[in-house]
Amino acid sequence: MIRKLLFKKLLFFCVFLLPLSILAQTISGKVTDSNGEVIPFASIVQKGTTNGTTSDGDGNFSLKVNQLPVTILVSSLGFTTKEEVVSSEEAVTIVLSEDAVSLDEVVVTGLASSIKRSNLANAVSTVSAEDLVGKTAQTSVDGALYGKLTGVNIISSS
């Protein structure tokens, strides 16, 4: 009698509960640049789907996928998009390389809505990429912008 009950419980576990653990795997890891610095808020998307996430402030991410191996696309502003094949649930480190030519122009309005540059009713200033890259020794964008625009206060929060 006890053997029968034990067999039924084992059969129930194998038939119903074991496949649930196989249905979804979680891949996790960290997004860094070529210098080992973390890249916060990078976009991580499973290729060919809308399944995705973003990395946290420390560059860490976690993404549930249906099956392994899976191809993920990792992108962030100022970096080239990288395609990575993940075949296990072990933590992965994804290194993005900088893409200096991808930023043609950044328009910062201080408003909560998107407005075309020609329709702005307030002052507009322009800084070219050459002015930022060629003349400053700063390692961050906010440091490079400091002093380049009149009437703009640059404050770094980190």
Protein backbone atom coordinates (compact mmCIF):
# COMPACT_ATOMS: atom_id res chain seq x y z
CA MET A 1 0.00 0.00 0.00
CA ILE A 2 2.75 2.44 0.94
CA ARG A 3 4.73 1.41 -2.13
CA LYS A 4 1.76 2.14 -4.35
CA LEU A 5 1.31 5.59 -2.83
CA LEU A 6 5.01 6.34 -3.17
CA PHE A 7 4.95 5.19 -6.78
CA LYS A 8 1.94 7.42 -7.54
CA LYS A 9 3.65 10.45 -6.02
CA LEU A 10 6.82 9.78 -7.97
CA LEU A 11 4.85 9.32 -11.18
CA PHE A 12 2.96 12.58 -10.53
CA PHE A 13 6.24 14.42 -10.00
CA CYS A 14 7.80 13.03 -13.19
CA VAL A 15 4.78 13.62 -15.40
CA PHE A 16 3.58 17.02 -14.20
CA LEU A 17 6.21 18.90 -12.23
CA LEU A 18 9.46 17.98 -13.97
CA PRO A 19 8.45 19.48 -17.36
CA LEU A 20 7.64 22.80 -15.68
CA SER A 21 11.30 23.30 -14.83
CA ILE A 22 12.26 22.62 -18.44
CA LEU A 23 9.83 25.14 -19.96
CA ALA A 24 11.66 28.31 -18.96
CA GLN A 25 15.34 28.91 -18.41
CA THR A 26 16.85 32.08 -17.04
CA ILE A 27 20.00 33.54 -18.51
CA SER A 28 21.86 36.17 -16.55
CA GLY A 29 25.05 38.13 -16.80
CA LYS A 30 26.76 41.49 -16.87
CA VAL A 31 27.25 44.08 -19.63
CA THR A 32 30.61 45.90 -19.67
CA ASP A 33 32.67 48.02 -22.04
CA SER A 34 36.14 47.16 -23.35
CA ASN A 35 37.74 48.69 -20.22
CA GLY A 36 35.69 46.52 -17.86
CA GLU A 37 33.41 49.39 -16.79
CA VAL A 38 29.77 48.37 -16.36
CA ILE A 39 27.19 49.66 -18.83
CA PRO A 40 23.97 50.48 -16.98
CA PHE A 41 20.55 50.28 -18.65
CA ALA A 42 21.73 48.38 -21.74
CA SER A 43 18.99 46.72 -23.78
CA ILE A 44 19.03 42.90 -23.96
CA VAL A 45 16.54 41.34 -26.41
CA GLN A 46 16.03 37.76 -27.55
CA LYS A 47 16.60 37.82 -31.32
CA GLY A 48 13.42 37.53 -33.39
CA THR A 49 11.08 38.19 -30.44
CA THR A 50 9.91 41.03 -28.23
CA ASN A 51 11.20 39.21 -25.14
CA GLY A 52 13.75 41.49 -23.50
CA THR A 53 15.04 43.32 -20.47
CA THR A 54 17.50 46.04 -19.49
CA SER A 55 20.58 45.83 -17.34
CA ASP A 56 20.41 47.45 -13.91
CA GLY A 57 22.64 50.23 -12.61
CA ASP A 58 25.47 47.74 -12.03
CA GLY A 59 25.22 46.26 -15.54
CA ASN A 60 23.57 43.03 -14.35
CA PHE A 61 20.65 41.47 -16.22
CA SER A 62 18.37 38.44 -16.06
CA LEU A 63 16.18 37.18 -18.93
CA LYS A 64 13.76 34.23 -19.05
CA VAL A 65 13.80 32.29 -22.33
CA ASN A 66 11.85 29.24 -23.52
CA GLN A 67 14.81 27.15 -24.62
CA LEU A 68 18.57 27.15 -24.93
CA PRO A 69 20.64 27.92 -26.96
CA VAL A 70 19.32 31.40 -27.66
CA THR A 71 20.68 34.42 -29.53
CA ILE A 72 20.44 37.76 -27.73
CA LEU A 73 21.05 41.26 -29.05
CA VAL A 74 22.72 43.66 -26.62
CA SER A 75 22.78 47.40 -27.34
CA SER A 76 23.35 50.68 -25.58
CA LEU A 77 23.66 54.29 -26.67
CA GLY A 78 27.21 55.01 -27.84
CA PHE A 79 28.10 51.32 -28.29
CA THR A 80 27.84 48.92 -31.20
CA THR A 81 25.10 46.30 -31.01
CA LYS A 82 26.43 42.85 -30.21
CA GLU A 83 24.84 39.52 -31.08
CA GLU A 84 25.67 36.78 -28.58
CA VAL A 85 24.70 33.10 -28.53
CA VAL A 86 23.99 31.81 -25.01
CA SER A 87 23.86 28.03 -24.66
CA SER A 88 23.80 27.53 -20.88
CA GLU A 89 22.33 29.11 -17.78
CA GLU A 90 25.78 30.13 -16.50
CA ALA A 91 26.35 33.86 -16.06
CA VAL A 92 27.77 35.53 -19.16
CA THR A 93 29.80 38.71 -19.50
CA ILE A 94 29.02 40.70 -22.63
CA VAL A 95 31.62 43.25 -23.71
CA LEU A 96 30.37 46.08 -25.95
CA SER A 97 32.76 48.20 -27.99
CA GLU A 98 32.36 51.96 -28.27
CA ASP A 99 30.86 53.41 -31.43
CA ALA A 100 32.05 57.01 -31.64
CA VAL A 101 30.56 57.61 -35.09
CA SER A 102 27.02 56.55 -34.17
CA LEU A 103 26.21 59.78 -32.31
CA ASP A 104 25.66 62.46 -34.91
CA GLU A 105 23.80 64.89 -32.69
CA VAL A 106 22.13 64.85 -29.28
CA VAL A 107 19.27 67.27 -28.65
CA VAL A 108 18.54 67.86 -24.96
CA THR A 109 15.40 69.91 -24.44
CA GLY A 110 14.71 69.56 -20.73
CA LEU A 111 11.09 68.88 -21.64
CA ALA A 112 9.14 65.70 -21.06
CA SER A 113 7.99 65.39 -24.66
CA SER A 114 9.62 64.84 -28.03
CA ILE A 115 9.63 67.91 -30.24
CA LYS A 116 11.26 68.40 -33.59
CA ARG A 117 14.25 70.71 -33.37
CA SER A 118 12.72 73.17 -35.86
CA ASN A 119 9.56 73.48 -33.73
CA LEU A 120 11.28 74.29 -30.43
CA ALA A 121 10.25 77.61 -28.90
CA ASN A 122 13.33 77.90 -26.71
CA ALA A 123 17.06 78.39 -27.22
CA VAL A 124 19.01 75.78 -29.16
CA SER A 125 22.77 75.20 -28.90
CA THR A 126 24.88 72.79 -30.91
CA VAL A 127 28.07 70.95 -30.06
CA SER A 128 29.63 68.81 -32.76
CA ALA A 129 31.21 65.44 -32.08
CA GLU A 130 34.57 66.83 -33.23
CA ASP A 131 34.41 69.52 -30.53
CA LEU A 132 33.89 66.88 -27.87
CA VAL A 133 36.37 64.27 -29.05
CA GLY A 134 39.23 66.35 -30.40
CA LYS A 135 39.63 69.10 -27.81
CA THR A 136 38.92 67.50 -24.45
CA ALA A 137 40.63 64.85 -22.38
CA GLN A 138 37.44 63.92 -20.52
CA THR A 139 36.40 60.29 -20.28
CA SER A 140 32.66 60.93 -19.92
CA VAL A 141 30.15 62.78 -22.08
CA ASP A 142 29.04 65.09 -19.28
CA GLY A 143 32.65 66.05 -18.58
CA ALA A 144 33.25 66.74 -22.27
CA LEU A 145 30.12 68.94 -22.49
CA TYR A 146 31.11 71.04 -19.47
CA GLY A 147 31.85 74.62 -20.56
CA LYS A 148 30.92 74.08 -24.21
CA LEU A 149 27.38 75.51 -24.05
CA THR A 150 26.31 78.89 -22.71
CA GLY A 151 23.76 78.87 -19.91
CA VAL A 152 23.80 75.10 -19.45
CA ASN A 153 24.51 73.53 -16.08
CA ILE A 154 26.01 70.04 -16.38
CA ILE A 155 25.51 67.94 -13.24
CA SER A 156 26.79 64.38 -12.94
CA SER A 157 24.68 62.19 -10.69
CA SER A 158 27.19 59.38 -10.26
